[in-house]
Structure formats: C-alpha cells, structure tokens
Amino acid sequence: MLEEFFSKLKQGLSIDSFLREINTAQEKIDELRKSNSLQHNNQSLKKYHDEVVPVKRYICKMDIDSRSTIKFNLNNQYPDCILLGSQKPISIEVTQVRARENNYLLRQMRDQKHAPGFLGVSEEAPEIEFCKAKRRKNHSYSTQNVIETIEEDLKLRVNKKRHHEGDVLLIETNLTPLPHDTWTAYIQNFRNILISLKFKSIYITGPSEGGESCIKIK
C-alpha cells in the first residue's frame, strides 16, 4: 500500500511534493480503514506513523523553502531523514514517547469510536499494569497526572538518546489529553529534562486538541 510512496521518500521529494504525496497516502489509508481492510500490524503503516507523519508536522510548522528536498532512510538507521536546501543538510531524528498507550488509544478510537483520554501508565511499566489500566472503568485524570507521567517517560527517552547527536529531534506523543496552552506552559519543565541531549533543536510533536502540534522545547 505504501511501497510506492516509500520509494519516492527514499529517492527524495521537494517539500511541495512531499506534502501532496503524504496527503494522498493518508486518503488511501482512511479509505482502507473505513472498509475495514486495514491491517493494524502492518509494519509499513507503523513506520509511516512513527517516522513520516511527525516530520510532516514539523515541516508544516516551520518556514521551510518549498523547493527544499526531504529524503528518508526508512531502514532503522540514524538519522530518520535529511532536509536538503540551499544551506547545509539538516538531519532529523524521530522518536516515540508513550507509544504503547498512544497506539492502544488510537485503535480504540478508530475501532470503537471512543477511548479513554489517558491511562497514565509509564512506558516501562509491566504489561500486567497496562492491562489493568485498560480495564478500569474510571479513566479520570488531572493535568498534574498527565505532566508527571510524560516527564517520567521523557527521562527514559533521554537515557536512550544520550549517545546520539544531530540537528533536529522530534519527540512524537499524543497531546490530546490537555489543551495546547497547557503543554506550552510546561515547556521549561520539558527543557530541563531534555537539555542534556546533543541535538541543536528539539520539538514535541503529535495530534492535539484541535489538530496537530509541533512545540519547540530547545
């Protein structure tokens, strides 16, 4: 389904072409989902959501020359993609935070048309705790609960990325549990956690209340 699109990404696309192609790919995915023909364990689909979609959020946020070229590796090698323009190449790495919970909530929303806003289980918690959280009837949560859980998982991500360095790091997570203004109010908290990473710029990206967000942390 995504093979032709991925082939173009590996060869390199202008920014304009990339945005057109990803919109076309998303339309095809949505059509398959409506007809229940989409396989959730499709590895190409996972790579699309994990690596390509966050880069789209970043490009839409930044003032990037439409004639620049974006080129993806899509081979689990660092970096995930390179932005080529009039200046020196910009390396972009994408990482996921709270992927287990985010993927579960996304499937619930798509399949059942409803889902809890937030489970509040750490990314490193045993599977049995995650299963208990899914079975809870009361899924109420506070702003502090969401922020503290995100902060703990960001610390885990720092440990896994501390040996990498580059131009841009995108940290993708689900931002819908809280309003955009609330996330931006905690930028300094997130910056204090991520400041030791050897990337020139760091952004938190993801679906958010009212659309998509790309929040600069560093």
N, C-alpha and C. Protein backbone atom coordinates (compact mmCIF):
# COMPACT_ATOMS: atom_id res chain seq x y z
N MET A 1 0.82 -1.20 0.00
CA MET A 1 0.00 0.00 0.00
C MET A 1 0.87 1.27 0.00
N LEU A 2 1.96 1.25 0.80
CA LEU A 2 2.80 2.43 0.93
C LEU A 2 4.13 2.28 0.20
N GLU A 3 4.32 1.17 -0.51
CA GLU A 3 5.62 0.89 -1.11
C GLU A 3 6.05 1.97 -2.10
N GLU A 4 5.13 2.39 -2.96
CA GLU A 4 5.48 3.41 -3.96
C GLU A 4 5.83 4.74 -3.29
N PHE A 5 5.05 5.11 -2.28
CA PHE A 5 5.31 6.33 -1.54
C PHE A 5 6.67 6.27 -0.85
N PHE A 6 6.97 5.14 -0.22
CA PHE A 6 8.25 4.97 0.46
C PHE A 6 9.41 5.04 -0.52
N SER A 7 9.23 4.48 -1.70
CA SER A 7 10.27 4.53 -2.72
C SER A 7 10.60 5.97 -3.09
N LYS A 8 9.56 6.79 -3.22
CA LYS A 8 9.76 8.21 -3.54
C LYS A 8 10.45 8.93 -2.39
N LEU A 9 10.10 8.57 -1.15
CA LEU A 9 10.72 9.20 0.01
C LEU A 9 12.21 8.88 0.08
N LYS A 10 12.58 7.67 -0.28
CA LYS A 10 14.00 7.29 -0.27
C LYS A 10 14.78 8.03 -1.35
N GLN A 11 14.13 8.27 -2.48
CA GLN A 11 14.79 9.00 -3.57
C GLN A 11 14.90 10.49 -3.25
N GLY A 12 13.93 11.00 -2.52
CA GLY A 12 13.89 12.42 -2.18
C GLY A 12 12.76 13.13 -2.90
N LEU A 13 12.04 13.97 -2.16
CA LEU A 13 10.93 14.74 -2.72
C LEU A 13 11.08 16.21 -2.32
N SER A 14 10.65 17.10 -3.20
CA SER A 14 10.57 18.50 -2.80
C SER A 14 9.52 18.61 -1.70
N ILE A 15 9.59 19.67 -0.91
CA ILE A 15 8.63 19.85 0.18
C ILE A 15 7.20 19.87 -0.34
N ASP A 16 6.97 20.58 -1.43
CA ASP A 16 5.63 20.62 -2.02
C ASP A 16 5.15 19.22 -2.40
N SER A 17 6.03 18.47 -3.05
CA SER A 17 5.67 17.11 -3.49
C SER A 17 5.45 16.20 -2.29
N PHE A 18 6.28 16.34 -1.28
CA PHE A 18 6.13 15.52 -0.06
C PHE A 18 4.76 15.74 0.57
N LEU A 19 4.35 16.99 0.70
CA LEU A 19 3.05 17.29 1.33
C LEU A 19 1.89 16.76 0.49
N ARG A 20 2.02 16.86 -0.83
CA ARG A 20 0.97 16.31 -1.70
C ARG A 20 0.92 14.78 -1.58
N GLU A 21 2.08 14.16 -1.61
CA GLU A 21 2.14 12.69 -1.57
C GLU A 21 1.64 12.13 -0.24
N ILE A 22 1.99 12.79 0.86
CA ILE A 22 1.56 12.27 2.16
C ILE A 22 0.05 12.46 2.34
N ASN A 23 -0.51 13.52 1.78
CA ASN A 23 -1.96 13.71 1.85
C ASN A 23 -2.68 12.63 1.05
N THR A 24 -2.12 12.29 -0.12
CA THR A 24 -2.70 11.21 -0.94
C THR A 24 -2.61 9.87 -0.21
N ALA A 25 -1.45 9.61 0.42
CA ALA A 25 -1.27 8.36 1.17
C ALA A 25 -2.26 8.28 2.32
N GLN A 26 -2.47 9.39 3.02
CA GLN A 26 -3.40 9.39 4.15
C GLN A 26 -4.83 9.14 3.68
N GLU A 27 -5.20 9.69 2.54
CA GLU A 27 -6.54 9.44 1.99
C GLU A 27 -6.75 7.96 1.70
N LYS A 28 -5.73 7.30 1.15
CA LYS A 28 -5.83 5.86 0.86
C LYS A 28 -5.95 5.06 2.15
N ILE A 29 -5.19 5.45 3.16
CA ILE A 29 -5.25 4.77 4.46
C ILE A 29 -6.64 4.92 5.07
N ASP A 30 -7.19 6.13 4.99
CA ASP A 30 -8.53 6.37 5.55
C ASP A 30 -9.60 5.56 4.82
N GLU A 31 -9.45 5.42 3.51
CA GLU A 31 -10.40 4.62 2.73
C GLU A 31 -10.35 3.15 3.15
N LEU A 32 -9.14 2.63 3.33
CA LEU A 32 -8.99 1.24 3.76
C LEU A 32 -9.54 1.04 5.16
N ARG A 33 -9.35 2.03 6.00
CA ARG A 33 -9.84 1.92 7.37
C ARG A 33 -11.37 1.90 7.39
N LYS A 34 -12.00 2.72 6.57
CA LYS A 34 -13.46 2.75 6.51
C LYS A 34 -14.04 1.44 6.03
N SER A 35 -13.31 0.76 5.15
CA SER A 35 -13.79 -0.52 4.61
C SER A 35 -13.29 -1.71 5.44
N ASN A 36 -12.67 -1.42 6.59
CA ASN A 36 -12.13 -2.47 7.47
C ASN A 36 -11.11 -3.36 6.76
N SER A 37 -10.40 -2.79 5.81
CA SER A 37 -9.40 -3.56 5.06
C SER A 37 -7.97 -3.28 5.52
N LEU A 38 -7.85 -2.50 6.59
CA LEU A 38 -6.53 -2.10 7.05
C LEU A 38 -6.03 -3.04 8.13
N GLN A 39 -4.81 -3.53 7.97
CA GLN A 39 -4.20 -4.41 8.95
C GLN A 39 -3.41 -3.56 9.95
N HIS A 40 -3.79 -3.62 11.23
CA HIS A 40 -3.18 -2.76 12.24
C HIS A 40 -1.72 -3.13 12.51
N ASN A 41 -1.35 -4.39 12.24
CA ASN A 41 0.02 -4.82 12.50
C ASN A 41 0.92 -4.65 11.28
N ASN A 42 0.44 -3.89 10.29
CA ASN A 42 1.22 -3.64 9.09
C ASN A 42 2.46 -2.82 9.44
N GLN A 43 3.66 -3.37 9.16
CA GLN A 43 4.90 -2.70 9.55
C GLN A 43 5.13 -1.41 8.76
N SER A 44 4.72 -1.39 7.50
CA SER A 44 4.85 -0.17 6.70
C SER A 44 4.00 0.95 7.28
N LEU A 45 2.80 0.59 7.74
CA LEU A 45 1.91 1.58 8.34
C LEU A 45 2.50 2.12 9.64
N LYS A 46 3.12 1.23 10.41
CA LYS A 46 3.77 1.65 11.66
C LYS A 46 4.91 2.64 11.37
N LYS A 47 5.72 2.33 10.38
CA LYS A 47 6.83 3.21 10.02
C LYS A 47 6.30 4.56 9.51
N TYR A 48 5.20 4.51 8.79
CA TYR A 48 4.57 5.73 8.29
C TYR A 48 4.17 6.64 9.45
N HIS A 49 3.50 6.07 10.45
CA HIS A 49 3.04 6.86 11.59
C HIS A 49 4.19 7.27 12.51
N ASP A 50 5.18 6.38 12.67
CA ASP A 50 6.27 6.64 13.61
C ASP A 50 7.31 7.61 13.08
N GLU A 51 7.58 7.58 11.77
CA GLU A 51 8.70 8.35 11.22
C GLU A 51 8.28 9.45 10.25
N VAL A 52 7.27 9.19 9.43
CA VAL A 52 6.93 10.13 8.36
C VAL A 52 5.96 11.21 8.84
N VAL A 53 4.91 10.81 9.52
CA VAL A 53 3.89 11.78 9.96
C VAL A 53 4.47 12.85 10.90
N PRO A 54 5.33 12.49 11.88
CA PRO A 54 5.91 13.55 12.72
C PRO A 54 6.73 14.57 11.93
N VAL A 55 7.41 14.11 10.88
CA VAL A 55 8.19 15.03 10.05
C VAL A 55 7.26 15.98 9.31
N LYS A 56 6.11 15.47 8.89
CA LYS A 56 5.13 16.36 8.24
C LYS A 56 4.68 17.45 9.21
N ARG A 57 4.43 17.09 10.48
CA ARG A 57 4.01 18.10 11.46
C ARG A 57 5.10 19.18 11.59
N TYR A 58 6.35 18.74 11.62
CA TYR A 58 7.47 19.67 11.75
C TYR A 58 7.56 20.59 10.54
N ILE A 59 7.47 20.04 9.35
CA ILE A 59 7.58 20.83 8.12
C ILE A 59 6.46 21.85 8.03
N CYS A 60 5.25 21.45 8.41
CA CYS A 60 4.12 22.38 8.35
C CYS A 60 4.27 23.52 9.36
N LYS A 61 4.98 23.25 10.45
CA LYS A 61 5.20 24.26 11.49
C LYS A 61 6.29 25.26 11.09
N MET A 62 7.33 24.76 10.42
CA MET A 62 8.50 25.59 10.13
C MET A 62 8.35 26.33 8.79
N ASP A 63 9.08 27.40 8.67
CA ASP A 63 9.08 28.17 7.43
C ASP A 63 10.19 27.62 6.53
N ILE A 64 9.91 26.52 5.84
CA ILE A 64 10.91 25.84 5.02
C ILE A 64 10.64 26.12 3.55
N ASP A 65 11.68 26.43 2.83
CA ASP A 65 11.57 26.70 1.39
C ASP A 65 10.92 25.50 0.69
N SER A 66 9.86 25.74 -0.05
CA SER A 66 9.12 24.65 -0.71
C SER A 66 9.98 23.93 -1.74
N ARG A 67 11.10 24.56 -2.15
CA ARG A 67 11.97 23.92 -3.14
C ARG A 67 13.00 23.01 -2.49
N SER A 68 13.06 23.03 -1.16
CA SER A 68 13.97 22.12 -0.45
C SER A 68 13.54 20.68 -0.69
N THR A 69 14.44 19.76 -0.42
CA THR A 69 14.16 18.33 -0.63
C THR A 69 14.24 17.58 0.69
N ILE A 70 13.30 16.66 0.90
CA ILE A 70 13.31 15.80 2.08
C ILE A 70 13.58 14.37 1.62
N LYS A 71 14.51 13.71 2.29
CA LYS A 71 14.91 12.35 1.90
C LYS A 71 14.93 11.46 3.14
N PHE A 72 14.20 10.35 3.09
CA PHE A 72 14.08 9.43 4.23
C PHE A 72 14.95 8.20 4.03
N ASN A 73 15.45 7.66 5.16
CA ASN A 73 16.20 6.40 5.10
C ASN A 73 15.27 5.20 5.16
N LEU A 74 14.33 5.20 6.13
CA LEU A 74 13.34 4.12 6.30
C LEU A 74 14.01 2.76 6.45
N ASN A 75 15.17 2.74 7.10
CA ASN A 75 15.90 1.48 7.28
C ASN A 75 16.40 1.31 8.71
N ASN A 76 15.79 2.04 9.65
CA ASN A 76 16.16 1.98 11.07
C ASN A 76 17.57 2.48 11.34
N GLN A 77 18.13 3.22 10.40
CA GLN A 77 19.46 3.80 10.59
C GLN A 77 19.31 5.28 10.92
N TYR A 78 20.29 5.80 11.67
CA TYR A 78 20.27 7.21 12.05
C TYR A 78 20.89 8.05 10.94
N PRO A 79 20.31 9.24 10.60
CA PRO A 79 19.05 9.80 11.09
C PRO A 79 17.88 9.25 10.28
N ASP A 80 16.67 9.56 10.73
CA ASP A 80 15.48 9.09 10.01
C ASP A 80 15.33 9.77 8.65
N CYS A 81 15.70 11.05 8.56
CA CYS A 81 15.62 11.74 7.27
C CYS A 81 16.56 12.93 7.25
N ILE A 82 16.77 13.47 6.05
CA ILE A 82 17.64 14.62 5.87
C ILE A 82 16.91 15.66 5.03
N LEU A 83 16.98 16.90 5.46
CA LEU A 83 16.38 18.01 4.73
C LEU A 83 17.49 18.72 3.97
N LEU A 84 17.34 18.78 2.65
CA LEU A 84 18.37 19.36 1.78
C LEU A 84 17.84 20.65 1.16
N GLY A 85 18.56 21.74 1.38
CA GLY A 85 18.15 23.03 0.83
C GLY A 85 19.34 23.82 0.37
N SER A 86 19.22 25.13 0.43
CA SER A 86 20.30 26.00 -0.04
C SER A 86 21.46 26.02 0.95
N GLN A 87 21.19 25.70 2.21
CA GLN A 87 22.25 25.66 3.22
C GLN A 87 22.67 24.21 3.46
N LYS A 88 23.44 23.97 4.50
CA LYS A 88 23.93 22.61 4.75
C LYS A 88 22.77 21.68 5.12
N PRO A 89 22.91 20.38 4.84
CA PRO A 89 21.84 19.42 5.15
C PRO A 89 21.47 19.44 6.63
N ILE A 90 20.19 19.23 6.91
CA ILE A 90 19.69 19.18 8.28
C ILE A 90 19.23 17.76 8.58
N SER A 91 19.84 17.13 9.57
CA SER A 91 19.44 15.77 9.95
C SER A 91 18.26 15.84 10.91
N ILE A 92 17.29 14.95 10.70
CA ILE A 92 16.09 14.90 11.55
C ILE A 92 15.92 13.48 12.08
N GLU A 93 15.85 13.36 13.38
CA GLU A 93 15.61 12.08 14.04
C GLU A 93 14.26 12.13 14.73
N VAL A 94 13.50 11.03 14.65
CA VAL A 94 12.18 10.97 15.27
C VAL A 94 12.17 9.85 16.30
N THR A 95 11.60 10.12 17.46
CA THR A 95 11.46 9.10 18.48
C THR A 95 10.06 9.17 19.07
N GLN A 96 9.60 8.06 19.60
CA GLN A 96 8.25 7.97 20.16
C GLN A 96 8.30 7.93 21.68
N VAL A 97 7.37 8.63 22.30
CA VAL A 97 7.19 8.57 23.75
C VAL A 97 5.77 8.09 24.04
N ARG A 98 5.64 7.12 24.91
CA ARG A 98 4.34 6.55 25.29
C ARG A 98 3.66 5.88 24.09
N ALA A 99 4.46 5.19 23.28
CA ALA A 99 3.93 4.58 22.05
C ALA A 99 2.89 3.50 22.36
N ARG A 100 3.13 2.69 23.40
CA ARG A 100 2.19 1.60 23.71
C ARG A 100 0.80 2.14 24.01
N GLU A 101 0.73 3.13 24.89
CA GLU A 101 -0.57 3.70 25.23
C GLU A 101 -1.18 4.45 24.06
N ASN A 102 -0.37 5.22 23.37
CA ASN A 102 -0.88 6.01 22.25
C ASN A 102 -1.47 5.13 21.16
N ASN A 103 -0.77 4.02 20.83
CA ASN A 103 -1.27 3.11 19.80
C ASN A 103 -2.57 2.44 20.23
N TYR A 104 -2.66 2.08 21.51
CA TYR A 104 -3.89 1.46 22.02
C TYR A 104 -5.07 2.44 21.93
N LEU A 105 -4.87 3.67 22.38
CA LEU A 105 -5.95 4.66 22.35
C LEU A 105 -6.38 4.98 20.92
N LEU A 106 -5.40 5.00 20.02
CA LEU A 106 -5.72 5.27 18.61
C LEU A 106 -6.58 4.15 18.02
N ARG A 107 -6.21 2.91 18.33
CA ARG A 107 -7.01 1.77 17.83
C ARG A 107 -8.41 1.78 18.42
N GLN A 108 -8.51 2.10 19.71
CA GLN A 108 -9.82 2.16 20.35
C GLN A 108 -10.72 3.20 19.70
N MET A 109 -10.14 4.35 19.43
CA MET A 109 -10.93 5.42 18.83
C MET A 109 -11.38 5.05 17.42
N ARG A 110 -10.51 4.39 16.67
CA ARG A 110 -10.84 4.03 15.30
C ARG A 110 -11.83 2.87 15.24
N ASP A 111 -11.65 1.87 16.13
CA ASP A 111 -12.48 0.67 16.08
C ASP A 111 -13.77 0.80 16.87
N GLN A 112 -13.70 1.43 18.05
CA GLN A 112 -14.86 1.52 18.93
C GLN A 112 -15.52 2.90 18.92
N LYS A 113 -14.87 3.87 18.24
CA LYS A 113 -15.38 5.24 18.16
C LYS A 113 -15.33 5.98 19.49
N HIS A 114 -14.69 5.40 20.49
CA HIS A 114 -14.47 6.10 21.75
C HIS A 114 -13.26 5.49 22.44
N ALA A 115 -12.64 6.27 23.31
CA ALA A 115 -11.46 5.80 24.02
C ALA A 115 -11.22 6.68 25.23
N PRO A 116 -10.56 6.15 26.27
CA PRO A 116 -10.18 6.99 27.39
C PRO A 116 -9.22 8.08 26.91
N GLY A 117 -9.19 9.20 27.59
CA GLY A 117 -8.27 10.25 27.18
C GLY A 117 -6.84 9.96 27.57
N PHE A 118 -6.67 9.21 28.68
CA PHE A 118 -5.34 9.00 29.22
C PHE A 118 -5.37 7.83 30.20
N LEU A 119 -4.40 6.92 30.10
CA LEU A 119 -4.35 5.78 31.01
C LEU A 119 -3.39 6.03 32.17
N GLY A 120 -2.32 6.76 31.91
CA GLY A 120 -1.41 7.13 33.00
C GLY A 120 -0.46 6.04 33.43
N VAL A 121 -0.13 5.10 32.54
CA VAL A 121 0.81 4.03 32.86
C VAL A 121 2.15 4.32 32.21
N SER A 122 3.21 4.23 32.98
CA SER A 122 4.55 4.50 32.45
C SER A 122 4.88 3.57 31.30
N GLU A 123 5.70 4.09 30.39
CA GLU A 123 6.10 3.31 29.22
C GLU A 123 6.84 2.04 29.60
N GLU A 124 7.52 2.07 30.75
CA GLU A 124 8.33 0.93 31.20
C GLU A 124 7.56 0.02 32.15
N ALA A 125 6.30 0.33 32.43
CA ALA A 125 5.52 -0.49 33.37
C ALA A 125 5.27 -1.88 32.78
N PRO A 126 5.18 -2.90 33.63
CA PRO A 126 4.89 -4.26 33.14
C PRO A 126 3.55 -4.31 32.40
N GLU A 127 3.43 -5.26 31.51
CA GLU A 127 2.22 -5.39 30.70
C GLU A 127 0.98 -5.61 31.57
N ILE A 128 1.15 -6.29 32.71
CA ILE A 128 0.00 -6.56 33.58
C ILE A 128 -0.59 -5.25 34.12
N GLU A 129 0.26 -4.25 34.39
CA GLU A 129 -0.24 -2.95 34.85
C GLU A 129 -0.98 -2.23 33.73
N PHE A 130 -0.46 -2.38 32.53
CA PHE A 130 -1.10 -1.75 31.38
C PHE A 130 -2.48 -2.36 31.15
N CYS A 131 -2.58 -3.67 31.27
CA CYS A 131 -3.87 -4.37 31.09
C CYS A 131 -4.87 -3.95 32.17
N LYS A 132 -4.41 -3.78 33.40
CA LYS A 132 -5.28 -3.32 34.48
C LYS A 132 -5.83 -1.92 34.18
N ALA A 133 -4.95 -1.06 33.66
CA ALA A 133 -5.37 0.30 33.34
C ALA A 133 -6.43 0.30 32.24
N LYS A 134 -6.28 -0.58 31.27
CA LYS A 134 -7.26 -0.67 30.18
C LYS A 134 -8.63 -1.11 30.69
N ARG A 135 -8.64 -1.92 31.73
CA ARG A 135 -9.91 -2.46 32.24
C ARG A 135 -10.59 -1.51 33.23
N ARG A 136 -9.90 -0.48 33.68
CA ARG A 136 -10.51 0.45 34.63
C ARG A 136 -11.74 1.11 34.04
N LYS A 137 -12.77 1.26 34.85
CA LYS A 137 -13.98 1.93 34.38
C LYS A 137 -13.86 3.45 34.49
N ASN A 138 -13.16 3.91 35.52
CA ASN A 138 -12.99 5.33 35.71
C ASN A 138 -11.62 5.77 35.18
N HIS A 139 -11.62 6.53 34.09
CA HIS A 139 -10.38 6.97 33.48
C HIS A 139 -10.16 8.47 33.66
N SER A 140 -10.67 9.02 34.76
CA SER A 140 -10.45 10.45 35.00
C SER A 140 -8.98 10.70 35.32
N TYR A 141 -8.50 11.90 34.99
CA TYR A 141 -7.10 12.23 35.23
C TYR A 141 -6.97 13.74 35.42
N SER A 142 -5.89 14.13 36.07
CA SER A 142 -5.63 15.55 36.30
C SER A 142 -4.49 16.02 35.40
N THR A 143 -4.36 17.32 35.26
CA THR A 143 -3.25 17.89 34.49
C THR A 143 -1.93 17.43 35.08
N GLN A 144 -1.82 17.46 36.41
CA GLN A 144 -0.57 17.07 37.05
C GLN A 144 -0.23 15.61 36.78
N ASN A 145 -1.23 14.75 36.76
CA ASN A 145 -1.02 13.33 36.46
C ASN A 145 -0.44 13.15 35.07
N VAL A 146 -0.99 13.87 34.09
CA VAL A 146 -0.50 13.77 32.71
C VAL A 146 0.93 14.29 32.61
N ILE A 147 1.19 15.46 33.17
CA ILE A 147 2.52 16.07 33.08
C ILE A 147 3.57 15.20 33.75
N GLU A 148 3.28 14.71 34.93
CA GLU A 148 4.25 13.89 35.66
C GLU A 148 4.56 12.59 34.91
N THR A 149 3.55 11.99 34.31
CA THR A 149 3.77 10.76 33.56
C THR A 149 4.61 11.03 32.32
N ILE A 150 4.30 12.11 31.61
CA ILE A 150 5.08 12.48 30.42
C ILE A 150 6.53 12.77 30.81
N GLU A 151 6.72 13.48 31.91
CA GLU A 151 8.07 13.81 32.34
C GLU A 151 8.89 12.55 32.63
N GLU A 152 8.28 11.58 33.28
CA GLU A 152 8.98 10.34 33.58
C GLU A 152 9.38 9.60 32.31
N ASP A 153 8.49 9.60 31.33
CA ASP A 153 8.79 8.90 30.08
C ASP A 153 9.80 9.67 29.23
N LEU A 154 9.82 10.99 29.35
CA LEU A 154 10.86 11.78 28.67
C LEU A 154 12.23 11.46 29.25
N LYS A 155 12.30 11.25 30.55
CA LYS A 155 13.57 10.89 31.18
C LYS A 155 14.07 9.55 30.66
N LEU A 156 13.16 8.61 30.46
CA LEU A 156 13.54 7.31 29.88
C LEU A 156 14.07 7.50 28.47
N ARG A 157 13.44 8.39 27.70
CA ARG A 157 13.86 8.63 26.32
C ARG A 157 15.24 9.29 26.28
N VAL A 158 15.52 10.16 27.24
CA VAL A 158 16.84 10.80 27.32
C VAL A 158 17.93 9.74 27.46
N ASN A 159 17.69 8.75 28.30
CA ASN A 159 18.69 7.70 28.51
C ASN A 159 18.96 6.92 27.22
N LYS A 160 17.94 6.78 26.39
CA LYS A 160 18.10 6.01 25.15
C LYS A 160 18.70 6.83 24.01
N LYS A 161 18.63 8.15 24.11
CA LYS A 161 19.11 9.02 23.03
C LYS A 161 20.35 9.82 23.40
N ARG A 162 20.91 9.60 24.58
CA ARG A 162 22.00 10.46 25.04
C ARG A 162 23.27 10.31 24.22
N HIS A 163 23.41 9.20 23.49
CA HIS A 163 24.62 8.99 22.69
C HIS A 163 24.47 9.49 21.25
N HIS A 164 23.28 9.94 20.88
CA HIS A 164 23.06 10.49 19.55
C HIS A 164 23.29 12.01 19.57
N GLU A 165 23.61 12.55 18.42
CA GLU A 165 23.68 13.99 18.28
C GLU A 165 23.30 14.36 16.85
N GLY A 166 22.78 15.56 16.68
CA GLY A 166 22.35 15.96 15.34
C GLY A 166 21.67 17.32 15.36
N ASP A 167 20.95 17.60 14.30
CA ASP A 167 20.33 18.91 14.15
C ASP A 167 18.97 18.99 14.83
N VAL A 168 18.05 18.09 14.47
CA VAL A 168 16.67 18.17 14.97
C VAL A 168 16.23 16.83 15.54
N LEU A 169 15.63 16.86 16.72
CA LEU A 169 15.00 15.68 17.31
C LEU A 169 13.52 15.98 17.47
N LEU A 170 12.68 15.11 16.91
CA LEU A 170 11.23 15.21 17.07
C LEU A 170 10.77 14.12 18.03
N ILE A 171 10.09 14.51 19.08
CA ILE A 171 9.57 13.55 20.06
C ILE A 171 8.06 13.49 19.86
N GLU A 172 7.59 12.39 19.31
CA GLU A 172 6.18 12.24 18.97
C GLU A 172 5.41 11.58 20.12
N THR A 173 4.30 12.19 20.50
CA THR A 173 3.43 11.60 21.51
C THR A 173 2.02 12.14 21.32
N ASN A 174 1.07 11.58 22.05
CA ASN A 174 -0.32 12.03 21.97
C ASN A 174 -0.51 13.24 22.87
N LEU A 175 -0.89 14.36 22.28
CA LEU A 175 -1.05 15.61 23.04
C LEU A 175 -2.52 15.96 23.30
N THR A 176 -3.42 15.06 22.93
CA THR A 176 -4.85 15.38 23.07
C THR A 176 -5.36 15.43 24.52
N PRO A 177 -4.69 14.77 25.51
CA PRO A 177 -5.26 14.83 26.87
C PRO A 177 -5.36 16.23 27.47
N LEU A 178 -4.50 17.16 26.99
CA LEU A 178 -4.50 18.52 27.57
C LEU A 178 -4.57 19.56 26.46
N PRO A 179 -5.10 20.75 26.75
CA PRO A 179 -5.13 21.83 25.77
C PRO A 179 -3.71 22.26 25.38
N HIS A 180 -3.58 22.83 24.20
CA HIS A 180 -2.26 23.25 23.70
C HIS A 180 -1.61 24.24 24.65
N ASP A 181 -2.36 25.19 25.18
CA ASP A 181 -1.79 26.20 26.07
C ASP A 181 -1.21 25.57 27.34
N THR A 182 -1.79 24.47 27.78
CA THR A 182 -1.27 23.81 28.98
C THR A 182 0.09 23.19 28.69
N TRP A 183 0.22 22.54 27.53
CA TRP A 183 1.51 21.96 27.16
C TRP A 183 2.59 23.04 27.10
N THR A 184 2.28 24.16 26.47
CA THR A 184 3.28 25.22 26.31
C THR A 184 3.68 25.82 27.66
N ALA A 185 2.77 25.77 28.64
CA ALA A 185 3.08 26.30 29.97
C ALA A 185 4.14 25.47 30.69
N TYR A 186 4.34 24.24 30.24
CA TYR A 186 5.32 23.35 30.88
C TYR A 186 6.58 23.17 30.05
N ILE A 187 6.80 24.04 29.08
CA ILE A 187 7.98 23.91 28.21
C ILE A 187 9.27 23.90 29.01
N GLN A 188 9.37 24.76 30.03
CA GLN A 188 10.61 24.81 30.80
C GLN A 188 10.87 23.50 31.53
N ASN A 189 9.81 22.86 32.04
CA ASN A 189 9.97 21.55 32.68
C ASN A 189 10.57 20.54 31.71
N PHE A 190 10.01 20.51 30.49
CA PHE A 190 10.49 19.56 29.49
C PHE A 190 11.92 19.91 29.06
N ARG A 191 12.20 21.21 28.95
CA ARG A 191 13.54 21.64 28.53
C ARG A 191 14.59 21.18 29.56
N ASN A 192 14.26 21.29 30.85
CA ASN A 192 15.19 20.88 31.90
C ASN A 192 15.52 19.39 31.80
N ILE A 193 14.56 18.59 31.36
CA ILE A 193 14.78 17.15 31.22
C ILE A 193 15.61 16.83 29.98
N LEU A 194 15.36 17.56 28.89
CA LEU A 194 15.94 17.22 27.59
C LEU A 194 17.21 17.99 27.24
N ILE A 195 17.58 18.95 28.09
CA ILE A 195 18.67 19.86 27.76
C ILE A 195 20.00 19.16 27.53
N SER A 196 20.22 18.00 28.15
CA SER A 196 21.50 17.31 28.02
C SER A 196 21.65 16.59 26.68
N LEU A 197 20.57 16.43 25.92
CA LEU A 197 20.66 15.75 24.64
C LEU A 197 21.42 16.60 23.63
N LYS A 198 22.22 15.93 22.79
CA LYS A 198 23.13 16.64 21.88
C LYS A 198 22.49 16.93 20.53
N PHE A 199 21.30 17.54 20.58
CA PHE A 199 20.61 17.99 19.38
C PHE A 199 20.49 19.50 19.43
N LYS A 200 20.65 20.15 18.28
CA LYS A 200 20.57 21.61 18.24
C LYS A 200 19.15 22.09 18.54
N SER A 201 18.15 21.36 18.04
CA SER A 201 16.74 21.73 18.26
C SER A 201 15.95 20.49 18.64
N ILE A 202 14.99 20.67 19.56
CA ILE A 202 14.13 19.56 19.99
C ILE A 202 12.69 20.06 19.99
N TYR A 203 11.81 19.25 19.41
CA TYR A 203 10.38 19.58 19.36
C TYR A 203 9.57 18.39 19.87
N ILE A 204 8.46 18.68 20.53
CA ILE A 204 7.47 17.65 20.86
C ILE A 204 6.34 17.81 19.85
N THR A 205 6.03 16.72 19.15
CA THR A 205 5.00 16.76 18.12
C THR A 205 3.91 15.74 18.44
N GLY A 206 2.76 15.92 17.79
CA GLY A 206 1.71 14.93 17.95
C GLY A 206 0.33 15.49 17.67
N PRO A 207 -0.65 14.58 17.60
CA PRO A 207 -2.04 15.04 17.47
C PRO A 207 -2.42 15.78 18.74
N SER A 208 -3.18 16.85 18.59
CA SER A 208 -3.52 17.66 19.75
C SER A 208 -4.97 18.13 19.65
N GLU A 209 -5.42 18.75 20.70
CA GLU A 209 -6.77 19.28 20.73
C GLU A 209 -6.92 20.31 19.61
N GLY A 210 -7.77 20.00 18.65
CA GLY A 210 -7.98 20.93 17.55
C GLY A 210 -7.07 20.75 16.37
N GLY A 211 -6.28 19.68 16.35
CA GLY A 211 -5.44 19.46 15.17
C GLY A 211 -4.12 18.81 15.48
N GLU A 212 -3.02 19.46 15.07
CA GLU A 212 -1.68 18.91 15.26
C GLU A 212 -0.79 19.97 15.89
N SER A 213 0.21 19.50 16.64
CA SER A 213 1.11 20.44 17.30
C SER A 213 2.56 20.08 17.05
N CYS A 214 3.39 21.10 17.05
CA CYS A 214 4.84 20.96 16.99
C CYS A 214 5.40 22.04 17.91
N ILE A 215 5.75 21.65 19.13
CA ILE A 215 6.13 22.60 20.18
C ILE A 215 7.64 22.60 20.36
N LYS A 216 8.27 23.76 20.17
CA LYS A 216 9.72 23.83 20.31
C LYS A 216 10.10 23.83 21.80
N ILE A 217 11.01 22.90 22.14
CA ILE A 217 11.50 22.78 23.51
C ILE A 217 12.90 23.37 23.65
N LYS A 218 13.68 23.18 22.61
CA LYS A 218 15.07 23.65 22.65
C LYS A 218 15.45 24.22 21.29
